[in-house]
Amino acid sequence: MLALMPGERRVQAAGREFWCGRLHGQEVVAVLSRIGKVAAATTAAVLAERFGVSGIVFTGVAGGLGPGVRVGDVVVADSFLQHDLDASPIFPRYEVPLYGTSRFHTDPALTGRLQAAARAALPAAALHRGLVASGDRFVSSTAEARALQAALPHALAVEMEGAAVAQVCHDFGLPFAAVRTISDRADDEAHGDFSRFVREVASRHSAAIVQALLAGA
Protein backbone atom coordinates (compact mmCIF):
# COMPACT_ATOMS: atom_id res chain seq x y z
CA MET A 1 0.00 0.00 0.00
CA LEU A 2 2.76 2.45 0.88
CA ALA A 3 4.24 2.06 -2.59
CA LEU A 4 1.01 3.54 -3.92
CA MET A 5 1.21 6.59 -1.64
CA PRO A 6 4.07 8.86 -2.77
CA GLY A 7 5.02 11.49 -0.23
CA GLU A 8 3.28 9.78 2.67
CA ARG A 9 3.94 11.22 6.12
CA ARG A 10 4.73 8.98 9.09
CA VAL A 11 3.05 9.67 12.41
CA GLN A 12 3.89 7.59 15.46
CA ALA A 13 1.16 6.94 18.02
CA ALA A 14 0.45 4.15 20.52
CA GLY A 15 3.64 2.39 19.47
CA ARG A 16 2.47 2.20 15.85
CA GLU A 17 3.41 3.86 12.58
CA PHE A 18 0.51 5.55 10.82
CA TRP A 19 1.13 6.69 7.26
CA CYS A 20 -0.86 9.71 6.10
CA GLY A 21 -1.09 10.53 2.41
CA ARG A 22 -3.30 10.61 -0.64
CA LEU A 23 -4.50 7.81 -2.88
CA HIS A 24 -6.64 8.44 -5.94
CA GLY A 25 -7.11 12.02 -4.77
CA GLN A 26 -8.40 11.06 -1.34
CA GLU A 27 -6.80 11.52 2.05
CA VAL A 28 -6.00 8.17 3.64
CA VAL A 29 -4.25 6.78 6.69
CA ALA A 30 -2.56 3.39 6.29
CA VAL A 31 -1.51 1.34 9.31
CA LEU A 32 -0.68 -2.23 10.24
CA SER A 33 -3.38 -3.35 12.67
CA ARG A 34 -1.03 -5.80 14.40
CA ILE A 35 -2.10 -9.30 15.33
CA GLY A 36 -4.90 -10.20 17.73
CA LYS A 37 -8.10 -8.57 18.89
CA VAL A 38 -6.64 -6.25 21.52
CA ALA A 39 -3.91 -4.93 19.22
CA ALA A 40 -6.39 -4.37 16.39
CA ALA A 41 -8.85 -2.63 18.71
CA THR A 42 -6.12 -0.25 19.88
CA THR A 43 -5.23 0.57 16.29
CA ALA A 44 -8.86 1.20 15.33
CA ALA A 45 -9.44 3.40 18.39
CA VAL A 46 -6.40 5.54 17.54
CA LEU A 47 -7.62 5.92 13.95
CA ALA A 48 -10.93 7.17 15.30
CA GLU A 49 -9.66 9.41 18.11
CA ARG A 50 -6.31 10.73 16.90
CA PHE A 51 -6.88 10.84 13.15
CA GLY A 52 -10.65 11.36 13.01
CA VAL A 53 -11.11 8.99 10.08
CA SER A 54 -14.50 8.89 8.38
CA GLY A 55 -14.44 5.09 8.02
CA ILE A 56 -12.21 2.03 8.20
CA VAL A 57 -11.49 -0.58 5.52
CA PHE A 58 -9.67 -3.66 6.81
CA THR A 59 -7.74 -5.97 4.49
CA GLY A 60 -5.70 -9.08 5.21
CA VAL A 61 -5.83 -12.86 5.23
CA ALA A 62 -7.99 -15.54 6.83
CA GLY A 63 -8.44 -19.28 7.05
CA GLY A 64 -11.30 -20.74 5.06
CA LEU A 65 -14.10 -22.48 6.95
CA GLY A 66 -17.14 -22.51 4.72
CA PRO A 67 -17.65 -25.20 2.10
CA GLY A 68 -16.19 -24.11 -1.18
CA VAL A 69 -14.04 -21.36 0.37
CA ARG A 70 -10.62 -22.18 -1.02
CA VAL A 71 -7.08 -20.81 -0.86
CA GLY A 72 -6.84 -17.70 -3.02
CA ASP A 73 -10.55 -16.91 -2.74
CA VAL A 74 -11.71 -13.55 -1.43
CA VAL A 75 -14.18 -13.12 1.44
CA VAL A 76 -16.03 -9.86 2.04
CA ALA A 77 -17.46 -9.76 5.55
CA ASP A 78 -21.00 -8.65 6.25
CA SER A 79 -20.73 -9.45 9.97
CA PHE A 80 -18.22 -10.57 12.60
CA LEU A 81 -18.42 -12.77 15.70
CA GLN A 82 -15.84 -13.64 18.38
CA HIS A 83 -15.64 -17.43 18.35
CA ASP A 84 -13.60 -17.49 21.61
CA LEU A 85 -15.96 -15.27 23.63
CA ASP A 86 -17.98 -17.14 26.24
CA ALA A 87 -19.38 -15.30 29.26
CA SER A 88 -21.98 -17.98 29.96
CA PRO A 89 -24.03 -18.61 32.00
CA ILE A 90 -24.31 -14.85 32.63
CA PHE A 91 -24.66 -14.20 28.91
CA PRO A 92 -25.25 -16.57 26.00
CA ARG A 93 -22.15 -17.98 24.36
CA TYR A 94 -20.61 -15.56 21.83
CA GLU A 95 -22.72 -12.62 23.05
CA VAL A 96 -20.67 -9.52 23.85
CA PRO A 97 -21.59 -8.54 27.43
CA LEU A 98 -23.77 -5.41 27.70
CA TYR A 99 -24.27 -5.16 23.93
CA GLY A 100 -27.08 -7.67 23.60
CA THR A 101 -25.62 -9.18 20.44
CA SER A 102 -22.98 -11.62 19.31
CA ARG A 103 -22.52 -10.10 15.87
CA PHE A 104 -21.36 -6.73 14.67
CA HIS A 105 -22.37 -5.96 11.11
CA THR A 106 -20.29 -4.11 8.59
CA ASP A 107 -21.64 -0.98 6.94
CA PRO A 108 -23.92 -2.09 4.08
CA ALA A 109 -23.06 0.73 1.67
CA LEU A 110 -19.29 0.58 2.20
CA THR A 111 -19.36 -3.22 2.08
CA GLY A 112 -21.25 -3.15 -1.20
CA ARG A 113 -18.63 -0.82 -2.66
CA LEU A 114 -15.83 -3.04 -1.33
CA GLN A 115 -17.42 -6.12 -2.86
CA ALA A 116 -17.72 -4.36 -6.22
CA ALA A 117 -14.08 -3.25 -5.95
CA ALA A 118 -12.96 -6.80 -5.21
CA ARG A 119 -14.81 -8.09 -8.27
CA ALA A 120 -13.30 -5.40 -10.46
CA ALA A 121 -9.76 -5.80 -9.13
CA LEU A 122 -9.70 -9.61 -9.04
CA PRO A 123 -12.13 -10.89 -11.68
CA ALA A 124 -10.59 -14.37 -11.69
CA ALA A 125 -10.87 -14.90 -7.91
CA ALA A 126 -13.92 -16.59 -6.36
CA LEU A 127 -15.74 -14.08 -4.14
CA HIS A 128 -17.78 -14.90 -1.04
CA ARG A 129 -19.73 -12.64 1.33
CA GLY A 130 -20.96 -13.43 4.83
CA LEU A 131 -20.00 -14.08 8.45
CA VAL A 132 -16.35 -14.09 9.54
CA ALA A 133 -15.28 -15.43 12.97
CA SER A 134 -12.46 -13.84 14.98
CA GLY A 135 -10.46 -15.16 17.92
CA ASP A 136 -7.12 -14.84 19.63
CA ARG A 137 -5.84 -18.09 18.20
CA PHE A 138 -4.30 -19.08 14.89
CA VAL A 139 -6.54 -21.98 13.92
CA SER A 140 -4.23 -24.58 12.42
CA SER A 141 -5.63 -28.03 13.06
CA THR A 142 -8.27 -29.98 11.22
CA ALA A 143 -9.95 -30.90 14.51
CA GLU A 144 -10.31 -27.28 15.59
CA ALA A 145 -11.48 -26.20 12.15
CA ARG A 146 -14.17 -28.88 12.17
CA ALA A 147 -15.26 -27.88 15.66
CA LEU A 148 -15.70 -24.28 14.48
CA GLN A 149 -17.59 -25.42 11.39
CA ALA A 150 -19.96 -27.44 13.60
CA ALA A 151 -20.47 -24.60 16.10
CA LEU A 152 -20.70 -21.82 13.48
CA PRO A 153 -21.96 -23.42 10.27
CA HIS A 154 -22.52 -20.05 8.59
CA ALA A 155 -18.97 -18.77 9.14
CA LEU A 156 -17.04 -18.45 5.89
CA ALA A 157 -13.62 -17.76 7.39
CA VAL A 158 -11.67 -17.38 10.62
CA GLU A 159 -9.08 -14.75 11.56
CA MET A 160 -7.80 -12.82 14.59
CA GLU A 161 -8.85 -9.16 14.39
CA GLY A 162 -12.00 -8.28 12.48
CA ALA A 163 -14.60 -8.64 15.24
CA ALA A 164 -12.61 -6.32 17.50
CA VAL A 165 -12.35 -3.63 14.82
CA ALA A 166 -16.05 -4.04 14.07
CA GLN A 167 -16.91 -3.48 17.74
CA VAL A 168 -14.72 -0.36 17.96
CA CYS A 169 -16.31 1.04 14.81
CA HIS A 170 -19.74 0.32 16.29
CA ASP A 171 -18.77 2.26 19.42
CA PHE A 172 -17.50 5.25 17.43
CA GLY A 173 -20.26 5.16 14.83
CA LEU A 174 -17.75 4.63 12.02
CA PRO A 175 -18.57 2.86 8.75
CA PHE A 176 -16.53 -0.34 8.55
CA ALA A 177 -15.89 -2.89 5.82
CA ALA A 178 -13.46 -5.80 5.61
CA VAL A 179 -12.08 -8.10 2.94
CA ARG A 180 -9.86 -11.14 3.44
CA THR A 181 -7.84 -13.30 1.06
CA ILE A 182 -7.98 -16.97 2.05
CA SER A 183 -4.45 -18.14 2.84
CA ASP A 184 -5.30 -21.66 4.09
CA ARG A 185 -8.15 -23.90 5.20
CA ALA A 186 -7.40 -23.47 8.95
CA ASP A 187 -6.44 -27.15 9.08
CA ASP A 188 -3.30 -29.22 9.65
CA GLU A 189 -1.69 -27.64 6.58
CA ALA A 190 -2.37 -24.06 7.67
CA HIS A 191 1.12 -23.46 9.01
CA GLY A 192 2.53 -23.50 5.37
CA ASP A 193 4.58 -20.56 4.13
CA PHE A 194 2.24 -17.97 5.60
CA SER A 195 4.64 -15.03 5.27
CA ARG A 196 5.32 -15.80 1.63
CA PHE A 197 1.59 -15.99 0.85
CA VAL A 198 1.01 -12.62 2.52
CA ARG A 199 3.91 -11.03 0.64
CA GLU A 200 3.31 -12.51 -2.80
CA VAL A 201 -0.48 -12.90 -2.96
CA ALA A 202 -2.51 -11.27 -0.20
CA SER A 203 -0.65 -7.94 -0.13
CA ARG A 204 -1.15 -7.54 -3.86
CA HIS A 205 -4.81 -8.45 -3.54
CA SER A 206 -5.26 -5.85 -0.81
CA ALA A 207 -3.54 -3.10 -2.79
CA ALA A 208 -5.54 -3.85 -5.93
CA ILE A 209 -8.86 -3.92 -4.06
CA VAL A 210 -8.19 -0.68 -2.17
CA GLN A 211 -7.14 1.06 -5.38
CA ALA A 212 -10.34 -0.06 -7.10
CA LEU A 213 -12.41 1.04 -4.10
CA LEU A 214 -10.95 4.55 -4.01
CA ALA A 215 -10.93 4.92 -7.78
CA GLY A 216 -14.64 4.23 -7.84
CA ALA A 217 -15.51 6.41 -4.84
C-alpha atoms as a PDB file:
ATOM      1  CA  MET A   1       0.000   0.000   0.000  1.00  0.00           C
ATOM      2  CA  LEU A   2       2.756   2.450   0.883  1.00  0.00           C
ATOM      3  CA  ALA A   3       4.240   2.057  -2.589  1.00  0.00           C
ATOM      4  CA  LEU A   4       1.007   3.541  -3.918  1.00  0.00           C
ATOM      5  CA  MET A   5       1.205   6.595  -1.641  1.00  0.00           C
ATOM      6  CA  PRO A   6       4.065   8.863  -2.770  1.00  0.00           C
ATOM      7  CA  GLY A   7       5.022  11.487  -0.225  1.00  0.00           C
ATOM      8  CA  GLU A   8       3.277   9.783   2.672  1.00  0.00           C
ATOM      9  CA  ARG A   9       3.935  11.224   6.120  1.00  0.00           C
ATOM     10  CA  ARG A  10       4.730   8.981   9.086  1.00  0.00           C
ATOM     11  CA  VAL A  11       3.053   9.670  12.412  1.00  0.00           C
ATOM     12  CA  GLN A  12       3.895   7.586  15.460  1.00  0.00           C
ATOM     13  CA  ALA A  13       1.163   6.939  18.025  1.00  0.00           C
ATOM     14  CA  ALA A  14       0.455   4.153  20.515  1.00  0.00           C
ATOM     15  CA  GLY A  15       3.640   2.393  19.466  1.00  0.00           C
ATOM     16  CA  ARG A  16       2.473   2.200  15.852  1.00  0.00           C
ATOM     17  CA  GLU A  17       3.413   3.858  12.581  1.00  0.00           C
ATOM     18  CA  PHE A  18       0.514   5.550  10.822  1.00  0.00           C
ATOM     19  CA  TRP A  19       1.131   6.692   7.261  1.00  0.00           C
ATOM     20  CA  CYS A  20      -0.858   9.710   6.098  1.00  0.00           C
ATOM     21  CA  GLY A  21      -1.095  10.525   2.414  1.00  0.00           C
ATOM     22  CA  ARG A  22      -3.305  10.612  -0.636  1.00  0.00           C
ATOM     23  CA  LEU A  23      -4.497   7.815  -2.880  1.00  0.00           C
ATOM     24  CA  HIS A  24      -6.636   8.442  -5.944  1.00  0.00           C
ATOM     25  CA  GLY A  25      -7.110  12.017  -4.772  1.00  0.00           C
ATOM     26  CA  GLN A  26      -8.399  11.058  -1.339  1.00  0.00           C
ATOM     27  CA  GLU A  27      -6.797  11.520   2.050  1.00  0.00           C
ATOM     28  CA  VAL A  28      -6.003   8.175   3.636  1.00  0.00           C
ATOM     29  CA  VAL A  29      -4.247   6.779   6.685  1.00  0.00           C
ATOM     30  CA  ALA A  30      -2.563   3.391   6.290  1.00  0.00           C
ATOM     31  CA  VAL A  31      -1.506   1.340   9.306  1.00  0.00           C
ATOM     32  CA  LEU A  32      -0.683  -2.229  10.240  1.00  0.00           C
ATOM     33  CA  SER A  33      -3.380  -3.348  12.668  1.00  0.00           C
ATOM     34  CA  ARG A  34      -1.032  -5.796  14.400  1.00  0.00           C
ATOM     35  CA  ILE A  35      -2.095  -9.300  15.332  1.00  0.00           C
ATOM     36  CA  GLY A  36      -4.899 -10.203  17.728  1.00  0.00           C
ATOM     37  CA  LYS A  37      -8.096  -8.567  18.889  1.00  0.00           C
ATOM     38  CA  VAL A  38      -6.641  -6.248  21.522  1.00  0.00           C
ATOM     39  CA  ALA A  39      -3.915  -4.933  19.221  1.00  0.00           C
ATOM     40  CA  ALA A  40      -6.391  -4.369  16.389  1.00  0.00           C
ATOM     41  CA  ALA A  41      -8.849  -2.627  18.712  1.00  0.00           C
ATOM     42  CA  THR A  42      -6.120  -0.247  19.876  1.00  0.00           C
ATOM     43  CA  THR A  43      -5.227   0.569  16.285  1.00  0.00           C
ATOM     44  CA  ALA A  44      -8.857   1.198  15.331  1.00  0.00           C
ATOM     45  CA  ALA A  45      -9.439   3.404  18.390  1.00  0.00           C
ATOM     46  CA  VAL A  46      -6.396   5.540  17.537  1.00  0.00           C
ATOM     47  CA  LEU A  47      -7.621   5.917  13.947  1.00  0.00           C
ATOM     48  CA  ALA A  48     -10.926   7.171  15.304  1.00  0.00           C
ATOM     49  CA  GLU A  49      -9.655   9.406  18.107  1.00  0.00           C
ATOM     50  CA  ARG A  50      -6.306  10.726  16.895  1.00  0.00           C
ATOM     51  CA  PHE A  51      -6.882  10.841  13.153  1.00  0.00           C
ATOM     52  CA  GLY A  52     -10.648  11.362  13.012  1.00  0.00           C
ATOM     53  CA  VAL A  53     -11.111   8.991  10.076  1.00  0.00           C
ATOM     54  CA  SER A  54     -14.500   8.887   8.382  1.00  0.00           C
ATOM     55  CA  GLY A  55     -14.444   5.090   8.016  1.00  0.00           C
ATOM     56  CA  ILE A  56     -12.209   2.034   8.196  1.00  0.00           C
ATOM     57  CA  VAL A  57     -11.486  -0.577   5.525  1.00  0.00           C
ATOM     58  CA  PHE A  58      -9.674  -3.655   6.807  1.00  0.00           C
ATOM     59  CA  THR A  59      -7.742  -5.972   4.495  1.00  0.00           C
ATOM     60  CA  GLY A  60      -5.700  -9.080   5.206  1.00  0.00           C
ATOM     61  CA  VAL A  61      -5.825 -12.855   5.227  1.00  0.00           C
ATOM     62  CA  ALA A  62      -7.991 -15.536   6.833  1.00  0.00           C
ATOM     63  CA  GLY A  63      -8.438 -19.277   7.055  1.00  0.00           C
ATOM     64  CA  GLY A  64     -11.299 -20.736   5.059  1.00  0.00           C
ATOM     65  CA  LEU A  65     -14.096 -22.477   6.954  1.00  0.00           C
ATOM     66  CA  GLY A  66     -17.141 -22.512   4.719  1.00  0.00           C
ATOM     67  CA  PRO A  67     -17.651 -25.205   2.103  1.00  0.00           C
ATOM     68  CA  GLY A  68     -16.188 -24.105  -1.181  1.00  0.00           C
ATOM     69  CA  VAL A  69     -14.038 -21.359   0.372  1.00  0.00           C
ATOM     70  CA  ARG A  70     -10.620 -22.182  -1.022  1.00  0.00           C
ATOM     71  CA  VAL A  71      -7.083 -20.812  -0.864  1.00  0.00           C
ATOM     72  CA  GLY A  72      -6.837 -17.698  -3.020  1.00  0.00           C
ATOM     73  CA  ASP A  73     -10.547 -16.913  -2.737  1.00  0.00           C
ATOM     74  CA  VAL A  74     -11.712 -13.549  -1.426  1.00  0.00           C
ATOM     75  CA  VAL A  75     -14.184 -13.124   1.444  1.00  0.00           C
ATOM     76  CA  VAL A  76     -16.029  -9.855   2.039  1.00  0.00           C
ATOM     77  CA  ALA A  77     -17.457  -9.762   5.553  1.00  0.00           C
ATOM     78  CA  ASP A  78     -20.997  -8.645   6.248  1.00  0.00           C
ATOM     79  CA  SER A  79     -20.726  -9.452   9.971  1.00  0.00           C
ATOM     80  CA  PHE A  80     -18.222 -10.566  12.604  1.00  0.00           C
ATOM     81  CA  LEU A  81     -18.419 -12.771  15.696  1.00  0.00           C
ATOM     82  CA  GLN A  82     -15.841 -13.640  18.379  1.00  0.00           C
ATOM     83  CA  HIS A  83     -15.635 -17.429  18.354  1.00  0.00           C
ATOM     84  CA  ASP A  84     -13.599 -17.494  21.606  1.00  0.00           C
ATOM     85  CA  LEU A  85     -15.965 -15.270  23.631  1.00  0.00           C
ATOM     86  CA  ASP A  86     -17.977 -17.141  26.240  1.00  0.00           C
ATOM     87  CA  ALA A  87     -19.376 -15.296  29.264  1.00  0.00           C
ATOM     88  CA  SER A  88     -21.984 -17.977  29.965  1.00  0.00           C
ATOM     89  CA  PRO A  89     -24.026 -18.611  32.000  1.00  0.00           C
ATOM     90  CA  ILE A  90     -24.305 -14.854  32.635  1.00  0.00           C
ATOM     91  CA  PHE A  91     -24.655 -14.201  28.908  1.00  0.00           C
ATOM     92  CA  PRO A  92     -25.253 -16.567  26.001  1.00  0.00           C
ATOM     93  CA  ARG A  93     -22.152 -17.982  24.360  1.00  0.00           C
ATOM     94  CA  TYR A  94     -20.606 -15.560  21.834  1.00  0.00           C
ATOM     95  CA  GLU A  95     -22.724 -12.623  23.052  1.00  0.00           C
ATOM     96  CA  VAL A  96     -20.674  -9.517  23.849  1.00  0.00           C
ATOM     97  CA  PRO A  97     -21.593  -8.537  27.427  1.00  0.00           C
ATOM     98  CA  LEU A  98     -23.772  -5.415  27.703  1.00  0.00           C
ATOM     99  CA  TYR A  99     -24.269  -5.158  23.933  1.00  0.00           C
ATOM    100  CA  GLY A 100     -27.081  -7.674  23.595  1.00  0.00           C
ATOM    101  CA  THR A 101     -25.625  -9.176  20.440  1.00  0.00           C
ATOM    102  CA  SER A 102     -22.980 -11.615  19.309  1.00  0.00           C
ATOM    103  CA  ARG A 103     -22.519 -10.102  15.866  1.00  0.00           C
ATOM    104  CA  PHE A 104     -21.355  -6.728  14.666  1.00  0.00           C
ATOM    105  CA  HIS A 105     -22.366  -5.960  11.110  1.00  0.00           C
ATOM    106  CA  THR A 106     -20.289  -4.110   8.586  1.00  0.00           C
ATOM    107  CA  ASP A 107     -21.637  -0.981   6.936  1.00  0.00           C
ATOM    108  CA  PRO A 108     -23.922  -2.092   4.078  1.00  0.00           C
ATOM    109  CA  ALA A 109     -23.060   0.727   1.668  1.00  0.00           C
ATOM    110  CA  LEU A 110     -19.292   0.576   2.198  1.00  0.00           C
ATOM    111  CA  THR A 111     -19.360  -3.223   2.080  1.00  0.00           C
ATOM    112  CA  GLY A 112     -21.247  -3.148  -1.203  1.00  0.00           C
ATOM    113  CA  ARG A 113     -18.627  -0.819  -2.660  1.00  0.00           C
ATOM    114  CA  LEU A 114     -15.833  -3.035  -1.325  1.00  0.00           C
ATOM    115  CA  GLN A 115     -17.424  -6.122  -2.860  1.00  0.00           C
ATOM    116  CA  ALA A 116     -17.717  -4.355  -6.218  1.00  0.00           C
ATOM    117  CA  ALA A 117     -14.082  -3.251  -5.948  1.00  0.00           C
ATOM    118  CA  ALA A 118     -12.956  -6.802  -5.215  1.00  0.00           C
ATOM    119  CA  ARG A 119     -14.813  -8.089  -8.272  1.00  0.00           C
ATOM    120  CA  ALA A 120     -13.304  -5.396 -10.457  1.00  0.00           C
ATOM    121  CA  ALA A 121      -9.762  -5.800  -9.131  1.00  0.00           C
ATOM    122  CA  LEU A 122      -9.703  -9.609  -9.039  1.00  0.00           C
ATOM    123  CA  PRO A 123     -12.126 -10.892 -11.682  1.00  0.00           C
ATOM    124  CA  ALA A 124     -10.594 -14.374 -11.688  1.00  0.00           C
ATOM    125  CA  ALA A 125     -10.873 -14.903  -7.914  1.00  0.00           C
ATOM    126  CA  ALA A 126     -13.917 -16.590  -6.361  1.00  0.00           C
ATOM    127  CA  LEU A 127     -15.741 -14.081  -4.144  1.00  0.00           C
ATOM    128  CA  HIS A 128     -17.781 -14.900  -1.043  1.00  0.00           C
ATOM    129  CA  ARG A 129     -19.732 -12.643   1.332  1.00  0.00           C
ATOM    130  CA  GLY A 130     -20.962 -13.433   4.830  1.00  0.00           C
ATOM    131  CA  LEU A 131     -19.996 -14.084   8.448  1.00  0.00           C
ATOM    132  CA  VAL A 132     -16.350 -14.091   9.545  1.00  0.00           C
ATOM    133  CA  ALA A 133     -15.276 -15.427  12.966  1.00  0.00           C
ATOM    134  CA  SER A 134     -12.462 -13.843  14.983  1.00  0.00           C
ATOM    135  CA  GLY A 135     -10.463 -15.165  17.925  1.00  0.00           C
ATOM    136  CA  ASP A 136      -7.115 -14.843  19.634  1.00  0.00           C
ATOM    137  CA  ARG A 137      -5.842 -18.089  18.197  1.00  0.00           C
ATOM    138  CA  PHE A 138      -4.301 -19.076  14.886  1.00  0.00           C
ATOM    139  CA  VAL A 139      -6.545 -21.984  13.922  1.00  0.00           C
ATOM    140  CA  SER A 140      -4.227 -24.582  12.419  1.00  0.00           C
ATOM    141  CA  SER A 141      -5.630 -28.031  13.063  1.00  0.00           C
ATOM    142  CA  THR A 142      -8.274 -29.980  11.221  1.00  0.00           C
ATOM    143  CA  ALA A 143      -9.955 -30.904  14.515  1.00  0.00           C
ATOM    144  CA  GLU A 144     -10.314 -27.278  15.587  1.00  0.00           C
ATOM    145  CA  ALA A 145     -11.484 -26.202  12.149  1.00  0.00           C
ATOM    146  CA  ARG A 146     -14.168 -28.884  12.166  1.00  0.00           C
ATOM    147  CA  ALA A 147     -15.262 -27.876  15.660  1.00  0.00           C
ATOM    148  CA  LEU A 148     -15.696 -24.280  14.476  1.00  0.00           C
ATOM    149  CA  GLN A 149     -17.585 -25.421  11.395  1.00  0.00           C
ATOM    150  CA  ALA A 150     -19.958 -27.438  13.595  1.00  0.00           C
ATOM    151  CA  ALA A 151     -20.472 -24.596  16.102  1.00  0.00           C
ATOM    152  CA  LEU A 152     -20.696 -21.817  13.482  1.00  0.00           C
ATOM    153  CA  PRO A 153     -21.964 -23.421  10.266  1.00  0.00           C
ATOM    154  CA  HIS A 154     -22.515 -20.047   8.590  1.00  0.00           C
ATOM    155  CA  ALA A 155     -18.969 -18.769   9.141  1.00  0.00           C
ATOM    156  CA  LEU A 156     -17.040 -18.450   5.892  1.00  0.00           C
ATOM    157  CA  ALA A 157     -13.625 -17.759   7.388  1.00  0.00           C
ATOM    158  CA  VAL A 158     -11.674 -17.382  10.621  1.00  0.00           C
ATOM    159  CA  GLU A 159      -9.081 -14.747  11.556  1.00  0.00           C
ATOM    160  CA  MET A 160      -7.801 -12.821  14.585  1.00  0.00           C
ATOM    161  CA  GLU A 161      -8.848  -9.160  14.389  1.00  0.00           C
ATOM    162  CA  GLY A 162     -12.001  -8.277  12.479  1.00  0.00           C
ATOM    163  CA  ALA A 163     -14.600  -8.640  15.240  1.00  0.00           C
ATOM    164  CA  ALA A 164     -12.606  -6.318  17.497  1.00  0.00           C
ATOM    165  CA  VAL A 165     -12.346  -3.635  14.823  1.00  0.00           C
ATOM    166  CA  ALA A 166     -16.050  -4.041  14.066  1.00  0.00           C
ATOM    167  CA  GLN A 167     -16.907  -3.476  17.743  1.00  0.00           C
ATOM    168  CA  VAL A 168     -14.725  -0.363  17.961  1.00  0.00           C
ATOM    169  CA  CYS A 169     -16.311   1.037  14.809  1.00  0.00           C
ATOM    170  CA  HIS A 170     -19.736   0.324  16.290  1.00  0.00           C
ATOM    171  CA  ASP A 171     -18.774   2.260  19.421  1.00  0.00           C
ATOM    172  CA  PHE A 172     -17.500   5.249  17.433  1.00  0.00           C
ATOM    173  CA  GLY A 173     -20.256   5.159  14.827  1.00  0.00           C
ATOM    174  CA  LEU A 174     -17.746   4.627  12.016  1.00  0.00           C
ATOM    175  CA  PRO A 175     -18.567   2.864   8.754  1.00  0.00           C
ATOM    176  CA  PHE A 176     -16.529  -0.338   8.555  1.00  0.00           C
ATOM    177  CA  ALA A 177     -15.885  -2.887   5.819  1.00  0.00           C
ATOM    178  CA  ALA A 178     -13.461  -5.800   5.607  1.00  0.00           C
ATOM    179  CA  VAL A 179     -12.078  -8.103   2.937  1.00  0.00           C
ATOM    180  CA  ARG A 180      -9.855 -11.137   3.436  1.00  0.00           C
ATOM    181  CA  THR A 181      -7.842 -13.303   1.060  1.00  0.00           C
ATOM    182  CA  ILE A 182      -7.983 -16.970   2.046  1.00  0.00           C
ATOM    183  CA  SER A 183      -4.453 -18.144   2.841  1.00  0.00           C
ATOM    184  CA  ASP A 184      -5.305 -21.655   4.088  1.00  0.00           C
ATOM    185  CA  ARG A 185      -8.145 -23.896   5.202  1.00  0.00           C
ATOM    186  CA  ALA A 186      -7.395 -23.474   8.948  1.00  0.00           C
ATOM    187  CA  ASP A 187      -6.439 -27.152   9.078  1.00  0.00           C
ATOM    188  CA  ASP A 188      -3.301 -29.221   9.647  1.00  0.00           C
ATOM    189  CA  GLU A 189      -1.687 -27.639   6.578  1.00  0.00           C
ATOM    190  CA  ALA A 190      -2.372 -24.057   7.670  1.00  0.00           C
ATOM    191  CA  HIS A 191       1.123 -23.461   9.007  1.00  0.00           C
ATOM    192  CA  GLY A 192       2.534 -23.499   5.371  1.00  0.00           C
ATOM    193  CA  ASP A 193       4.581 -20.558   4.133  1.00  0.00           C
ATOM    194  CA  PHE A 194       2.243 -17.970   5.595  1.00  0.00           C
ATOM    195  CA  SER A 195       4.641 -15.028   5.267  1.00  0.00           C
ATOM    196  CA  ARG A 196       5.318 -15.799   1.630  1.00  0.00           C
ATOM    197  CA  PHE A 197       1.592 -15.989   0.853  1.00  0.00           C
ATOM    198  CA  VAL A 198       1.013 -12.619   2.520  1.00  0.00           C
ATOM    199  CA  ARG A 199       3.912 -11.033   0.641  1.00  0.00           C
ATOM    200  CA  GLU A 200       3.309 -12.511  -2.798  1.00  0.00           C
ATOM    201  CA  VAL A 201      -0.477 -12.905  -2.956  1.00  0.00           C
ATOM    202  CA  ALA A 202      -2.507 -11.266  -0.198  1.00  0.00           C
ATOM    203  CA  SER A 203      -0.649  -7.942  -0.128  1.00  0.00           C
ATOM    204  CA  ARG A 204      -1.149  -7.541  -3.865  1.00  0.00           C
ATOM    205  CA  HIS A 205      -4.813  -8.448  -3.541  1.00  0.00           C
ATOM    206  CA  SER A 206      -5.259  -5.850  -0.813  1.00  0.00           C
ATOM    207  CA  ALA A 207      -3.538  -3.104  -2.792  1.00  0.00           C
ATOM    208  CA  ALA A 208      -5.542  -3.845  -5.933  1.00  0.00           C
ATOM    209  CA  ILE A 209      -8.863  -3.918  -4.064  1.00  0.00           C
ATOM    210  CA  VAL A 210      -8.194  -0.681  -2.167  1.00  0.00           C
ATOM    211  CA  GLN A 211      -7.143   1.063  -5.384  1.00  0.00           C
ATOM    212  CA  ALA A 212     -10.339  -0.063  -7.100  1.00  0.00           C
ATOM    213  CA  LEU A 213     -12.407   1.038  -4.099  1.00  0.00           C
ATOM    214  CA  LEU A 214     -10.945   4.549  -4.011  1.00  0.00           C
ATOM    215  CA  ALA A 215     -10.930   4.919  -7.785  1.00  0.00           C
ATOM    216  CA  GLY A 216     -14.644   4.231  -7.838  1.00  0.00           C
ATOM    217  CA  ALA A 217     -15.510   6.410  -4.835  1.00  0.00           C
END
